[in-house]
Amino acid sequence: MGILFGLMIAFHILVSSLLIVVILLQPGRGGGGMGAVFGGGSSSSLFGGRGAATILSKATGVLAALFMILSVAIAMSGSEHSVTSGAAEEAPLSAPAQPSGE
Protein backbone atom coordinates (compact mmCIF):
# COMPACT_ATOMS: atom_id res chain seq x y z
CA MET A 1 0.00 0.00 0.00
CA GLY A 2 1.47 3.30 -1.06
CA ILE A 3 2.01 6.31 1.14
CA LEU A 4 -0.42 8.44 -0.88
CA PHE A 5 -3.11 5.75 -0.72
CA GLY A 6 -2.68 5.51 3.07
CA LEU A 7 -2.89 9.29 3.44
CA MET A 8 -6.07 9.37 1.38
CA ILE A 9 -7.62 6.69 3.58
CA ALA A 10 -6.63 8.58 6.75
CA PHE A 11 -8.00 11.86 5.38
CA HIS A 12 -11.20 10.09 4.32
CA ILE A 13 -11.70 8.79 7.86
CA LEU A 14 -11.14 12.31 9.23
CA VAL A 15 -13.61 13.86 6.77
CA SER A 16 -16.17 11.15 7.54
CA SER A 17 -15.90 11.75 11.28
CA LEU A 18 -16.20 15.52 10.87
CA LEU A 19 -19.20 15.09 8.58
CA ILE A 20 -20.97 12.98 11.20
CA VAL A 21 -20.26 15.53 13.94
CA VAL A 22 -21.37 18.52 11.83
CA ILE A 23 -24.62 16.79 10.83
CA LEU A 24 -25.41 15.86 14.42
CA LEU A 25 -24.74 19.42 15.63
CA GLN A 26 -27.34 20.94 13.30
CA PRO A 27 -30.67 21.86 14.88
CA GLY A 28 -33.85 20.08 13.82
CA ARG A 29 -36.13 21.65 11.24
CA GLY A 30 -39.04 21.81 13.67
CA GLY A 31 -42.61 20.89 12.87
CA GLY A 32 -41.70 17.39 11.72
CA GLY A 33 -41.35 16.65 8.04
CA MET A 34 -43.99 13.94 7.77
CA GLY A 35 -46.68 16.05 9.46
CA ALA A 36 -46.37 18.73 6.81
CA VAL A 37 -46.50 16.18 4.01
CA PHE A 38 -49.80 14.64 5.12
CA GLY A 39 -51.57 17.88 5.97
CA GLY A 40 -50.77 18.18 9.66
CA GLY A 41 -49.45 21.59 10.58
CA SER A 42 -48.73 24.34 8.11
CA SER A 43 -47.72 23.43 4.60
CA SER A 44 -45.51 26.50 4.36
CA SER A 45 -42.86 24.75 6.48
CA LEU A 46 -42.40 22.18 3.72
CA PHE A 47 -41.85 24.56 0.81
CA GLY A 48 -41.08 27.76 2.71
CA GLY A 49 -37.82 29.65 2.79
CA ARG A 50 -34.86 28.01 4.46
CA GLY A 51 -33.54 31.18 5.93
CA ALA A 52 -29.90 32.14 6.01
CA ALA A 53 -27.41 29.33 5.57
CA THR A 54 -25.49 28.77 8.77
CA ILE A 55 -21.84 27.88 9.07
CA LEU A 56 -22.88 24.31 9.90
CA SER A 57 -24.87 23.92 6.68
CA LYS A 58 -21.98 25.33 4.64
CA ALA A 59 -19.55 22.99 6.40
CA THR A 60 -21.86 20.07 5.66
CA GLY A 61 -21.82 20.88 1.95
CA VAL A 62 -18.05 21.24 1.83
CA LEU A 63 -17.43 18.05 3.81
CA ALA A 64 -19.95 16.11 1.71
CA ALA A 65 -18.21 17.23 -1.48
CA LEU A 66 -14.81 16.25 -0.04
CA PHE A 67 -16.24 12.89 1.02
CA MET A 68 -17.50 12.14 -2.49
CA ILE A 69 -14.31 13.30 -4.21
CA LEU A 70 -12.15 11.23 -1.84
CA SER A 71 -14.39 8.19 -2.29
CA VAL A 72 -13.98 8.31 -6.06
CA ALA A 73 -10.23 8.94 -5.79
CA ILE A 74 -9.74 6.02 -3.41
CA ALA A 75 -11.85 3.75 -5.62
CA MET A 76 -9.85 4.69 -8.71
CA SER A 77 -6.45 4.36 -7.08
CA GLY A 78 -7.45 1.23 -5.17
CA SER A 79 -8.66 -0.54 -8.31
CA GLU A 80 -5.07 -1.58 -8.95
CA HIS A 81 -5.04 -3.47 -5.65
CA SER A 82 -7.31 -6.49 -5.70
CA VAL A 83 -8.15 -8.55 -2.67
CA THR A 84 -8.10 -11.76 -4.69
CA SER A 85 -5.04 -11.02 -6.83
CA GLY A 86 -2.64 -12.82 -4.51
CA ALA A 87 -5.03 -15.64 -3.63
CA ALA A 88 -4.58 -17.48 -6.93
CA GLU A 89 -0.82 -17.48 -6.52
CA GLU A 90 -0.85 -18.74 -2.94
CA ALA A 91 -3.56 -21.40 -3.09
CA PRO A 92 -2.62 -24.52 -5.08
CA LEU A 93 -5.18 -25.82 -7.49
CA SER A 94 -6.46 -29.22 -6.54
CA ALA A 95 -8.98 -31.60 -8.01
CA PRO A 96 -12.34 -31.84 -6.27
CA ALA A 97 -12.71 -34.69 -3.84
CA GLN A 98 -13.95 -37.89 -5.42
CA PRO A 99 -16.61 -39.88 -3.60
CA SER A 100 -15.38 -43.16 -2.22
CA GLY A 101 -16.41 -46.30 -4.12
CA GLU A 102 -19.72 -47.63 -2.91
PDB file of N, CA and C in Angstrom:
ATOM      1  N   MET A   1       0.854  -1.164   0.000  1.00  0.00           N
ATOM      2  CA  MET A   1       0.000   0.000   0.000  1.00  0.00           C
ATOM      3  C   MET A   1       0.902   1.230   0.000  1.00  0.00           C
ATOM      4  N   GLY A   2       0.649   2.124  -0.935  1.00  0.00           N
ATOM      5  CA  GLY A   2       1.474   3.302  -1.065  1.00  0.00           C
ATOM      6  C   GLY A   2       1.191   4.335   0.001  1.00  0.00           C
ATOM      7  N   ILE A   3       2.135   5.234   0.161  1.00  0.00           N
ATOM      8  CA  ILE A   3       2.008   6.308   1.142  1.00  0.00           C
ATOM      9  C   ILE A   3       0.813   7.209   0.805  1.00  0.00           C
ATOM     10  N   LEU A   4       0.664   7.556  -0.477  1.00  0.00           N
ATOM     11  CA  LEU A   4      -0.417   8.437  -0.883  1.00  0.00           C
ATOM     12  C   LEU A   4      -1.776   7.785  -0.648  1.00  0.00           C
ATOM     13  N   PHE A   5      -1.862   6.477  -0.940  1.00  0.00           N
ATOM     14  CA  PHE A   5      -3.112   5.748  -0.719  1.00  0.00           C
ATOM     15  C   PHE A   5      -3.452   5.724   0.771  1.00  0.00           C
ATOM     16  N   GLY A   6      -2.458   5.502   1.620  1.00  0.00           N
ATOM     17  CA  GLY A   6      -2.682   5.507   3.069  1.00  0.00           C
ATOM     18  C   GLY A   6      -3.101   6.872   3.589  1.00  0.00           C
ATOM     19  N   LEU A   7      -2.501   7.935   3.041  1.00  0.00           N
ATOM     20  CA  LEU A   7      -2.886   9.286   3.438  1.00  0.00           C
ATOM     21  C   LEU A   7      -4.315   9.612   3.007  1.00  0.00           C
ATOM     22  N   MET A   8      -4.700   9.139   1.820  1.00  0.00           N
ATOM     23  CA  MET A   8      -6.073   9.374   1.377  1.00  0.00           C
ATOM     24  C   MET A   8      -7.069   8.652   2.278  1.00  0.00           C
ATOM     25  N   ILE A   9      -6.743   7.438   2.687  1.00  0.00           N
ATOM     26  CA  ILE A   9      -7.621   6.690   3.581  1.00  0.00           C
ATOM     27  C   ILE A   9      -7.738   7.415   4.931  1.00  0.00           C
ATOM     28  N   ALA A  10      -6.614   7.871   5.471  1.00  0.00           N
ATOM     29  CA  ALA A  10      -6.629   8.580   6.751  1.00  0.00           C
ATOM     30  C   ALA A  10      -7.436   9.878   6.658  1.00  0.00           C
ATOM     31  N   PHE A  11      -7.258  10.622   5.571  1.00  0.00           N
ATOM     32  CA  PHE A  11      -7.997  11.864   5.381  1.00  0.00           C
ATOM     33  C   PHE A  11      -9.485  11.582   5.186  1.00  0.00           C
ATOM     34  N   HIS A  12      -9.804  10.481   4.523  1.00  0.00           N
ATOM     35  CA  HIS A  12     -11.201  10.092   4.316  1.00  0.00           C
ATOM     36  C   HIS A  12     -11.871   9.764   5.650  1.00  0.00           C
ATOM     37  N   ILE A  13     -11.153   9.094   6.530  1.00  0.00           N
ATOM     38  CA  ILE A  13     -11.696   8.793   7.856  1.00  0.00           C
ATOM     39  C   ILE A  13     -11.922  10.087   8.647  1.00  0.00           C
ATOM     40  N   LEU A  14     -10.998  11.026   8.551  1.00  0.00           N
ATOM     41  CA  LEU A  14     -11.137  12.312   9.233  1.00  0.00           C
ATOM     42  C   LEU A  14     -12.338  13.088   8.700  1.00  0.00           C
ATOM     43  N   VAL A  15     -12.485  13.149   7.378  1.00  0.00           N
ATOM     44  CA  VAL A  15     -13.608  13.863   6.770  1.00  0.00           C
ATOM     45  C   VAL A  15     -14.927  13.196   7.157  1.00  0.00           C
ATOM     46  N   SER A  16     -14.952  11.870   7.172  1.00  0.00           N
ATOM     47  CA  SER A  16     -16.169  11.145   7.541  1.00  0.00           C
ATOM     48  C   SER A  16     -16.574  11.456   8.981  1.00  0.00           C
ATOM     49  N   SER A  17     -15.606  11.456   9.877  1.00  0.00           N
ATOM     50  CA  SER A  17     -15.896  11.753  11.283  1.00  0.00           C
ATOM     51  C   SER A  17     -16.398  13.181  11.452  1.00  0.00           C
ATOM     52  N   LEU A  18     -15.759  14.125  10.790  1.00  0.00           N
ATOM     53  CA  LEU A  18     -16.199  15.519  10.869  1.00  0.00           C
ATOM     54  C   LEU A  18     -17.589  15.704  10.283  1.00  0.00           C
ATOM     55  N   LEU A  19     -17.887  14.997   9.203  1.00  0.00           N
ATOM     56  CA  LEU A  19     -19.203  15.093   8.584  1.00  0.00           C
ATOM     57  C   LEU A  19     -20.288  14.586   9.535  1.00  0.00           C
ATOM     58  N   ILE A  20     -20.008  13.505  10.225  1.00  0.00           N
ATOM     59  CA  ILE A  20     -20.968  12.979  11.198  1.00  0.00           C
ATOM     60  C   ILE A  20     -21.205  13.989  12.316  1.00  0.00           C
ATOM     61  N   VAL A  21     -20.132  14.569  12.832  1.00  0.00           N
ATOM     62  CA  VAL A  21     -20.257  15.527  13.937  1.00  0.00           C
ATOM     63  C   VAL A  21     -21.028  16.769  13.490  1.00  0.00           C
ATOM     64  N   VAL A  22     -20.721  17.296  12.307  1.00  0.00           N
ATOM     65  CA  VAL A  22     -21.374  18.516  11.829  1.00  0.00           C
ATOM     66  C   VAL A  22     -22.862  18.268  11.587  1.00  0.00           C
ATOM     67  N   ILE A  23     -23.211  17.098  11.056  1.00  0.00           N
ATOM     68  CA  ILE A  23     -24.621  16.792  10.831  1.00  0.00           C
ATOM     69  C   ILE A  23     -25.363  16.669  12.154  1.00  0.00           C
ATOM     70  N   LEU A  24     -24.743  16.028  13.125  1.00  0.00           N
ATOM     71  CA  LEU A  24     -25.412  15.859  14.415  1.00  0.00           C
ATOM     72  C   LEU A  24     -25.538  17.164  15.200  1.00  0.00           C
ATOM     73  N   LEU A  25     -24.669  18.131  14.932  1.00  0.00           N
ATOM     74  CA  LEU A  25     -24.740  19.417  15.629  1.00  0.00           C
ATOM     75  C   LEU A  25     -25.831  20.337  15.087  1.00  0.00           C
ATOM     76  N   GLN A  26     -26.336  20.059  13.892  1.00  0.00           N
ATOM     77  CA  GLN A  26     -27.336  20.945  13.301  1.00  0.00           C
ATOM     78  C   GLN A  26     -28.666  20.804  14.023  1.00  0.00           C
ATOM     79  N   PRO A  27     -29.362  21.924  14.209  1.00  0.00           N
ATOM     80  CA  PRO A  27     -30.669  21.858  14.879  1.00  0.00           C
ATOM     81  C   PRO A  27     -31.707  21.212  13.965  1.00  0.00           C
ATOM     82  N   GLY A  28     -32.767  20.681  14.582  1.00  0.00           N
ATOM     83  CA  GLY A  28     -33.850  20.082  13.815  1.00  0.00           C
ATOM     84  C   GLY A  28     -34.624  21.139  13.046  1.00  0.00           C
ATOM     85  N   ARG A  29     -35.363  20.704  12.061  1.00  0.00           N
ATOM     86  CA  ARG A  29     -36.130  21.647  11.244  1.00  0.00           C
ATOM     87  C   ARG A  29     -37.369  22.148  11.973  1.00  0.00           C
ATOM     88  N   GLY A  30     -37.853  21.384  12.938  1.00  0.00           N
ATOM     89  CA  GLY A  30     -39.039  21.807  13.670  1.00  0.00           C
ATOM     90  C   GLY A  30     -40.303  21.534  12.884  1.00  0.00           C
ATOM     91  N   GLY A  31     -41.344  21.134  13.546  1.00  0.00           N
ATOM     92  CA  GLY A  31     -42.606  20.888  12.871  1.00  0.00           C
ATOM     93  C   GLY A  31     -42.715  19.480  12.327  1.00  0.00           C
ATOM     94  N   GLY A  32     -41.653  18.751  12.233  1.00  0.00           N
ATOM     95  CA  GLY A  32     -41.704  17.395  11.723  1.00  0.00           C
ATOM     96  C   GLY A  32     -41.987  17.356  10.236  1.00  0.00           C
ATOM     97  N   GLY A  33     -41.197  16.692   9.492  1.00  0.00           N
ATOM     98  CA  GLY A  33     -41.345  16.653   8.035  1.00  0.00           C
ATOM     99  C   GLY A  33     -42.562  15.877   7.585  1.00  0.00           C
ATOM    100  N   MET A  34     -42.885  14.775   8.225  1.00  0.00           N
ATOM    101  CA  MET A  34     -43.992  13.944   7.774  1.00  0.00           C
ATOM    102  C   MET A  34     -45.336  14.596   8.085  1.00  0.00           C
ATOM    103  N   GLY A  35     -45.428  15.374   9.151  1.00  0.00           N
ATOM    104  CA  GLY A  35     -46.676  16.048   9.463  1.00  0.00           C
ATOM    105  C   GLY A  35     -47.062  17.047   8.398  1.00  0.00           C
ATOM    106  N   ALA A  36     -46.087  17.748   7.848  1.00  0.00           N
ATOM    107  CA  ALA A  36     -46.371  18.732   6.814  1.00  0.00           C
ATOM    108  C   ALA A  36     -46.738  18.064   5.497  1.00  0.00           C
ATOM    109  N   VAL A  37     -46.205  16.879   5.254  1.00  0.00           N
ATOM    110  CA  VAL A  37     -46.501  16.180   4.008  1.00  0.00           C
ATOM    111  C   VAL A  37     -47.954  15.715   3.983  1.00  0.00           C
ATOM    112  N   PHE A  38     -48.460  15.197   5.089  1.00  0.00           N
ATOM    113  CA  PHE A  38     -49.798  14.636   5.121  1.00  0.00           C
ATOM    114  C   PHE A  38     -50.848  15.617   5.639  1.00  0.00           C
ATOM    115  N   GLY A  39     -50.560  16.888   5.648  1.00  0.00           N
ATOM    116  CA  GLY A  39     -51.568  17.885   5.973  1.00  0.00           C
ATOM    117  C   GLY A  39     -51.581  18.329   7.417  1.00  0.00           C
ATOM    118  N   GLY A  40     -50.806  17.738   8.275  1.00  0.00           N
ATOM    119  CA  GLY A  40     -50.770  18.179   9.661  1.00  0.00           C
ATOM    120  C   GLY A  40     -49.839  19.358   9.801  1.00  0.00           C
ATOM    121  N   GLY A  41     -50.290  20.409  10.417  1.00  0.00           N
ATOM    122  CA  GLY A  41     -49.453  21.593  10.576  1.00  0.00           C
ATOM    123  C   GLY A  41     -49.548  22.471   9.343  1.00  0.00           C
ATOM    124  N   SER A  42     -48.678  23.435   9.247  1.00  0.00           N
ATOM    125  CA  SER A  42     -48.730  24.344   8.115  1.00  0.00           C
ATOM    126  C   SER A  42     -47.916  23.791   6.965  1.00  0.00           C
ATOM    127  N   SER A  43     -48.429  23.933   5.764  1.00  0.00           N
ATOM    128  CA  SER A  43     -47.717  23.426   4.602  1.00  0.00           C
ATOM    129  C   SER A  43     -46.595  24.358   4.181  1.00  0.00           C
ATOM    130  N   SER A  44     -46.565  25.564   4.745  1.00  0.00           N
ATOM    131  CA  SER A  44     -45.507  26.495   4.361  1.00  0.00           C
ATOM    132  C   SER A  44     -44.146  26.054   4.893  1.00  0.00           C
ATOM    133  N   SER A  45     -44.153  25.204   5.950  1.00  0.00           N
ATOM    134  CA  SER A  45     -42.865  24.752   6.475  1.00  0.00           C
ATOM    135  C   SER A  45     -42.190  23.773   5.532  1.00  0.00           C
ATOM    136  N   LEU A  46     -42.984  23.133   4.643  1.00  0.00           N
ATOM    137  CA  LEU A  46     -42.398  22.184   3.720  1.00  0.00           C
ATOM    138  C   LEU A  46     -41.726  22.888   2.550  1.00  0.00           C
ATOM    139  N   PHE A  47     -42.401  23.882   1.982  1.00  0.00           N
ATOM    140  CA  PHE A  47     -41.854  24.559   0.812  1.00  0.00           C
ATOM    141  C   PHE A  47     -41.445  25.996   1.102  1.00  0.00           C
ATOM    142  N   GLY A  48     -41.413  26.388   2.347  1.00  0.00           N
ATOM    143  CA  GLY A  48     -41.081  27.759   2.708  1.00  0.00           C
ATOM    144  C   GLY A  48     -39.594  28.033   2.581  1.00  0.00           C
ATOM    145  N   GLY A  49     -39.222  29.266   2.861  1.00  0.00           N
ATOM    146  CA  GLY A  49     -37.822  29.648   2.785  1.00  0.00           C
ATOM    147  C   GLY A  49     -36.990  28.963   3.857  1.00  0.00           C
ATOM    148  N   ARG A  50     -35.756  28.682   3.526  1.00  0.00           N
ATOM    149  CA  ARG A  50     -34.860  28.014   4.460  1.00  0.00           C
ATOM    150  C   ARG A  50     -34.233  28.992   5.440  1.00  0.00           C
ATOM    151  N   GLY A  51     -34.234  30.216   5.085  1.00  0.00           N
ATOM    152  CA  GLY A  51     -33.544  31.182   5.925  1.00  0.00           C
ATOM    153  C   GLY A  51     -32.075  31.258   5.526  1.00  0.00           C
ATOM    154  N   ALA A  52     -31.313  31.980   6.308  1.00  0.00           N
ATOM    155  CA  ALA A  52     -29.899  32.143   6.007  1.00  0.00           C
ATOM    156  C   ALA A  52     -29.149  30.831   6.270  1.00  0.00           C
ATOM    157  N   ALA A  53     -28.219  30.537   5.402  1.00  0.00           N
ATOM    158  CA  ALA A  53     -27.406  29.332   5.571  1.00  0.00           C
ATOM    159  C   ALA A  53     -26.409  29.561   6.700  1.00  0.00           C
ATOM    160  N   THR A  54     -26.397  28.643   7.647  1.00  0.00           N
ATOM    161  CA  THR A  54     -25.486  28.773   8.771  1.00  0.00           C
ATOM    162  C   THR A  54     -24.127  28.202   8.403  1.00  0.00           C
ATOM    163  N   ILE A  55     -23.185  28.417   9.292  1.00  0.00           N
ATOM    164  CA  ILE A  55     -21.841  27.884   9.074  1.00  0.00           C
ATOM    165  C   ILE A  55     -21.870  26.356   9.077  1.00  0.00           C
ATOM    166  N   LEU A  56     -22.790  25.770   9.858  1.00  0.00           N
ATOM    167  CA  LEU A  56     -22.879  24.314   9.895  1.00  0.00           C
ATOM    168  C   LEU A  56     -23.396  23.748   8.580  1.00  0.00           C
ATOM    169  N   SER A  57     -24.358  24.415   7.951  1.00  0.00           N
ATOM    170  CA  SER A  57     -24.865  23.919   6.676  1.00  0.00           C
ATOM    171  C   SER A  57     -23.827  24.077   5.564  1.00  0.00           C
ATOM    172  N   LYS A  58     -23.055  25.154   5.630  1.00  0.00           N
ATOM    173  CA  LYS A  58     -21.980  25.331   4.644  1.00  0.00           C
ATOM    174  C   LYS A  58     -20.889  24.286   4.844  1.00  0.00           C
ATOM    175  N   ALA A  59     -20.557  24.006   6.107  1.00  0.00           N
ATOM    176  CA  ALA A  59     -19.547  22.992   6.400  1.00  0.00           C
ATOM    177  C   ALA A  59     -20.020  21.611   5.962  1.00  0.00           C
ATOM    178  N   THR A  60     -21.316  21.345   6.099  1.00  0.00           N
ATOM    179  CA  THR A  60     -21.863  20.065   5.657  1.00  0.00           C
ATOM    180  C   THR A  60     -21.692  19.902   4.155  1.00  0.00           C
ATOM    181  N   GLY A  61     -21.979  20.943   3.409  1.00  0.00           N
ATOM    182  CA  GLY A  61     -21.825  20.884   1.953  1.00  0.00           C
ATOM    183  C   GLY A  61     -20.387  20.662   1.534  1.00  0.00           C
ATOM    184  N   VAL A  62     -19.471  21.377   2.168  1.00  0.00           N
ATOM    185  CA  VAL A  62     -18.050  21.241   1.831  1.00  0.00           C
ATOM    186  C   VAL A  62     -17.541  19.853   2.191  1.00  0.00           C
ATOM    187  N   LEU A  63     -17.885  19.370   3.385  1.00  0.00           N
ATOM    188  CA  LEU A  63     -17.430  18.050   3.807  1.00  0.00           C
ATOM    189  C   LEU A  63     -18.052  16.937   2.967  1.00  0.00           C
ATOM    190  N   ALA A  64     -19.311  17.113   2.564  1.00  0.00           N
ATOM    191  CA  ALA A  64     -19.947  16.109   1.710  1.00  0.00           C
ATOM    192  C   ALA A  64     -19.265  16.054   0.346  1.00  0.00           C
ATOM    193  N   ALA A  65     -18.910  17.204  -0.200  1.00  0.00           N
ATOM    194  CA  ALA A  65     -18.207  17.230  -1.483  1.00  0.00           C
ATOM    195  C   ALA A  65     -16.832  16.578  -1.352  1.00  0.00           C
ATOM    196  N   LEU A  66     -16.116  16.886  -0.279  1.00  0.00           N
ATOM    197  CA  LEU A  66     -14.812  16.251  -0.038  1.00  0.00           C
ATOM    198  C   LEU A  66     -14.955  14.739   0.116  1.00  0.00           C
ATOM    199  N   PHE A  67     -16.001  14.313   0.813  1.00  0.00           N
ATOM    200  CA  PHE A  67     -16.245  12.890   1.018  1.00  0.00           C
ATOM    201  C   PHE A  67     -16.447  12.178  -0.321  1.00  0.00           C
ATOM    202  N   MET A  68     -17.243  12.771  -1.195  1.00  0.00           N
ATOM    203  CA  MET A  68     -17.500  12.140  -2.495  1.00  0.00           C
ATOM    204  C   MET A  68     -16.255  12.134  -3.375  1.00  0.00           C
ATOM    205  N   ILE A  69     -15.520  13.229  -3.392  1.00  0.00           N
ATOM    206  CA  ILE A  69     -14.305  13.297  -4.210  1.00  0.00           C
ATOM    207  C   ILE A  69     -13.275  12.281  -3.716  1.00  0.00           C
ATOM    208  N   LEU A  70     -13.103  12.199  -2.399  1.00  0.00           N
ATOM    209  CA  LEU A  70     -12.153  11.230  -1.845  1.00  0.00           C
ATOM    210  C   LEU A  70     -12.596   9.794  -2.094  1.00  0.00           C
ATOM    211  N   SER A  71     -13.889   9.541  -2.037  1.00  0.00           N
ATOM    212  CA  SER A  71     -14.386   8.194  -2.292  1.00  0.00           C
ATOM    213  C   SER A  71     -14.067   7.749  -3.717  1.00  0.00           C
ATOM    214  N   VAL A  72     -14.285   8.640  -4.669  1.00  0.00           N
ATOM    215  CA  VAL A  72     -13.983   8.311  -6.062  1.00  0.00           C
ATOM    216  C   VAL A  72     -12.482   8.155  -6.253  1.00  0.00           C
ATOM    217  N   ALA A  73     -11.687   9.025  -5.655  1.00  0.00           N
ATOM    218  CA  ALA A  73     -10.225   8.943  -5.793  1.00  0.00           C
ATOM    219  C   ALA A  73      -9.681   7.650  -5.191  1.00  0.00           C
ATOM    220  N   ILE A  74     -10.197   7.263  -4.041  1.00  0.00           N
ATOM    221  CA  ILE A  74      -9.744   6.020  -3.412  1.00  0.00           C
ATOM    222  C   ILE A  74     -10.168   4.821  -4.246  1.00  0.00           C
ATOM    223  N   ALA A  75     -11.380   4.859  -4.783  1.00  0.00           N
ATOM    224  CA  ALA A  75     -11.848   3.751  -5.617  1.00  0.00           C
ATOM    225  C   ALA A  75     -11.015   3.623  -6.882  1.00  0.00           C
ATOM    226  N   MET A  76     -10.646   4.741  -7.478  1.00  0.00           N
ATOM    227  CA  MET A  76      -9.854   4.688  -8.710  1.00  0.00           C
ATOM    228  C   MET A  76      -8.421   4.253  -8.439  1.00  0.00           C
ATOM    229  N   SER A  77      -7.837   4.731  -7.367  1.00  0.00           N
ATOM    230  CA  SER A  77      -6.454   4.357  -7.084  1.00  0.00           C
ATOM    231  C   SER A  77      -6.384   2.969  -6.457  1.00  0.00           C
ATOM    232  N   GLY A  78      -7.444   2.550  -5.782  1.00  0.00           N
ATOM    233  CA  GLY A  78      -7.452   1.231  -5.168  1.00  0.00           C
ATOM    234  C   GLY A  78      -7.846   0.135  -6.123  1.00  0.00           C
ATOM    235  N   SER A  79      -8.263   0.484  -7.354  1.00  0.00           N
ATOM    236  CA  SER A  79      -8.660  -0.542  -8.308  1.00  0.00           C
ATOM    237  C   SER A  79      -7.466  -1.358  -8.777  1.00  0.00           C
ATOM    238  N   GLU A  80      -6.275  -0.830  -8.587  1.00  0.00           N
ATOM    239  CA  GLU A  80      -5.075  -1.579  -8.946  1.00  0.00           C
ATOM    240  C   GLU A  80      -4.792  -2.680  -7.938  1.00  0.00           C
ATOM    241  N   HIS A  81      -5.244  -2.501  -6.710  1.00  0.00           N
ATOM    242  CA  HIS A  81      -5.038  -3.474  -5.653  1.00  0.00           C
ATOM    243  C   HIS A  81      -6.291  -4.325  -5.535  1.00  0.00           C
ATOM    244  N   SER A  82      -6.162  -5.602  -5.813  1.00  0.00           N
ATOM    245  CA  SER A  82      -7.309  -6.494  -5.702  1.00  0.00           C
ATOM    246  C   SER A  82      -7.131  -7.404  -4.500  1.00  0.00           C
ATOM    247  N   VAL A  83      -8.204  -7.673  -3.837  1.00  0.00           N
ATOM    248  CA  VAL A  83      -8.149  -8.551  -2.672  1.00  0.00           C
ATOM    249  C   VAL A  83      -7.810  -9.972  -3.097  1.00  0.00           C
ATOM    250  N   THR A  84      -8.299 -10.377  -4.239  1.00  0.00           N
ATOM    251  CA  THR A  84      -8.101 -11.761  -4.689  1.00  0.00           C
ATOM    252  C   THR A  84      -6.910 -11.929  -5.620  1.00  0.00           C
ATOM    253  N   SER A  85      -6.134 -10.892  -5.875  1.00  0.00           N
ATOM    254  CA  SER A  85      -5.042 -11.019  -6.831  1.00  0.00           C
ATOM    255  C   SER A  85      -3.950 -11.956  -6.326  1.00  0.00           C
ATOM    256  N   GLY A  86      -3.669 -11.949  -5.042  1.00  0.00           N
ATOM    257  CA  GLY A  86      -2.639 -12.824  -4.508  1.00  0.00           C
ATOM    258  C   GLY A  86      -3.160 -14.192  -4.120  1.00  0.00           C
ATOM    259  N   ALA A  87      -4.463 -14.373  -4.079  1.00  0.00           N
ATOM    260  CA  ALA A  87      -5.032 -15.638  -3.633  1.00  0.00           C
ATOM    261  C   ALA A  87      -4.770 -16.751  -4.632  1.00  0.00           C
ATOM    262  N   ALA A  88      -4.790 -16.445  -5.911  1.00  0.00           N
ATOM    263  CA  ALA A  88      -4.578 -17.478  -6.930  1.00  0.00           C
ATOM    264  C   ALA A  88      -3.131 -17.961  -6.914  1.00  0.00           C
ATOM    265  N   GLU A  89      -2.219 -17.094  -6.547  1.00  0.00           N
ATOM    266  CA  GLU A  89      -0.817 -17.478  -6.516  1.00  0.00           C
ATOM    267  C   GLU A  89      -0.491 -18.321  -5.294  1.00  0.00           C
ATOM    268  N   GLU A  90      -1.168 -18.047  -4.186  1.00  0.00           N
ATOM    269  CA  GLU A  90      -0.851 -18.742  -2.940  1.00  0.00           C
ATOM    270  C   GLU A  90      -1.544 -20.094  -2.826  1.00  0.00           C
ATOM    271  N   ALA A  91      -2.798 -20.171  -3.256  1.00  0.00           N
ATOM    272  CA  ALA A  91      -3.560 -21.403  -3.089  1.00  0.00           C
ATOM    273  C   ALA A  91      -3.291 -22.350  -4.260  1.00  0.00           C
ATOM    274  N   PRO A  92      -2.836 -23.582  -3.978  1.00  0.00           N
ATOM    275  CA  PRO A  92      -2.619 -24.524  -5.075  1.00  0.00           C
ATOM    276  C   PRO A  92      -3.956 -25.040  -5.599  1.00  0.00           C
ATOM    277  N   LEU A  93      -3.979 -25.267  -6.894  1.00  0.00           N
ATOM    278  CA  LEU A  93      -5.185 -25.817  -7.493  1.00  0.00           C
ATOM    279  C   LEU A  93      -5.220 -27.308  -7.240  1.00  0.00           C
ATOM    280  N   SER A  94      -6.344 -27.798  -6.790  1.00  0.00           N
ATOM    281  CA  SER A  94      -6.463 -29.224  -6.544  1.00  0.00           C
ATOM    282  C   SER A  94      -7.765 -29.719  -7.137  1.00  0.00           C
ATOM    283  N   ALA A  95      -7.788 -31.001  -7.432  1.00  0.00           N
ATOM    284  CA  ALA A  95      -8.983 -31.595  -8.010  1.00  0.00           C
ATOM    285  C   ALA A  95     -10.035 -31.734  -6.921  1.00  0.00           C
ATOM    286  N   PRO A  96     -11.313 -31.645  -7.288  1.00  0.00           N
ATOM    287  CA  PRO A  96     -12.341 -31.840  -6.271  1.00  0.00           C
ATOM    288  C   PRO A  96     -12.308 -33.256  -5.712  1.00  0.00           C
ATOM    289  N   ALA A  97     -12.748 -33.389  -4.504  1.00  0.00           N
ATOM    290  CA  ALA A  97     -12.714 -34.692  -3.839  1.00  0.00           C
ATOM    291  C   ALA A  97     -13.660 -35.653  -4.529  1.00  0.00           C
ATOM    292  N   GLN A  98     -13.153 -36.852  -4.788  1.00  0.00           N
ATOM    293  CA  GLN A  98     -13.950 -37.887  -5.423  1.00  0.00           C
ATOM    294  C   GLN A  98     -14.659 -38.707  -4.354  1.00  0.00           C
ATOM    295  N   PRO A  99     -15.922 -39.055  -4.593  1.00  0.00           N
ATOM    296  CA  PRO A  99     -16.612 -39.882  -3.598  1.00  0.00           C
ATOM    297  C   PRO A  99     -15.994 -41.266  -3.550  1.00  0.00           C
ATOM    298  N   SER A 100     -15.955 -41.824  -2.371  1.00  0.00           N
ATOM    299  CA  SER A 100     -15.384 -43.159  -2.217  1.00  0.00           C
ATOM    300  C   SER A 100     -16.281 -44.185  -2.904  1.00  0.00           C
ATOM    301  N   GLY A 101     -15.682 -45.255  -3.396  1.00  0.00           N
ATOM    302  CA  GLY A 101     -16.413 -46.302  -4.125  1.00  0.00           C
ATOM    303  C   GLY A 101     -17.431 -46.974  -3.251  1.00  0.00           C
ATOM    304  N   GLU A 102     -18.665 -46.993  -3.684  1.00  0.00           N
ATOM    305  CA  GLU A 102     -19.716 -47.630  -2.908  1.00  0.00           C
ATOM    306  C   GLU A 102     -20.155 -48.898  -3.566  1.00  0.00           C
TER     307      GLU A 102
END
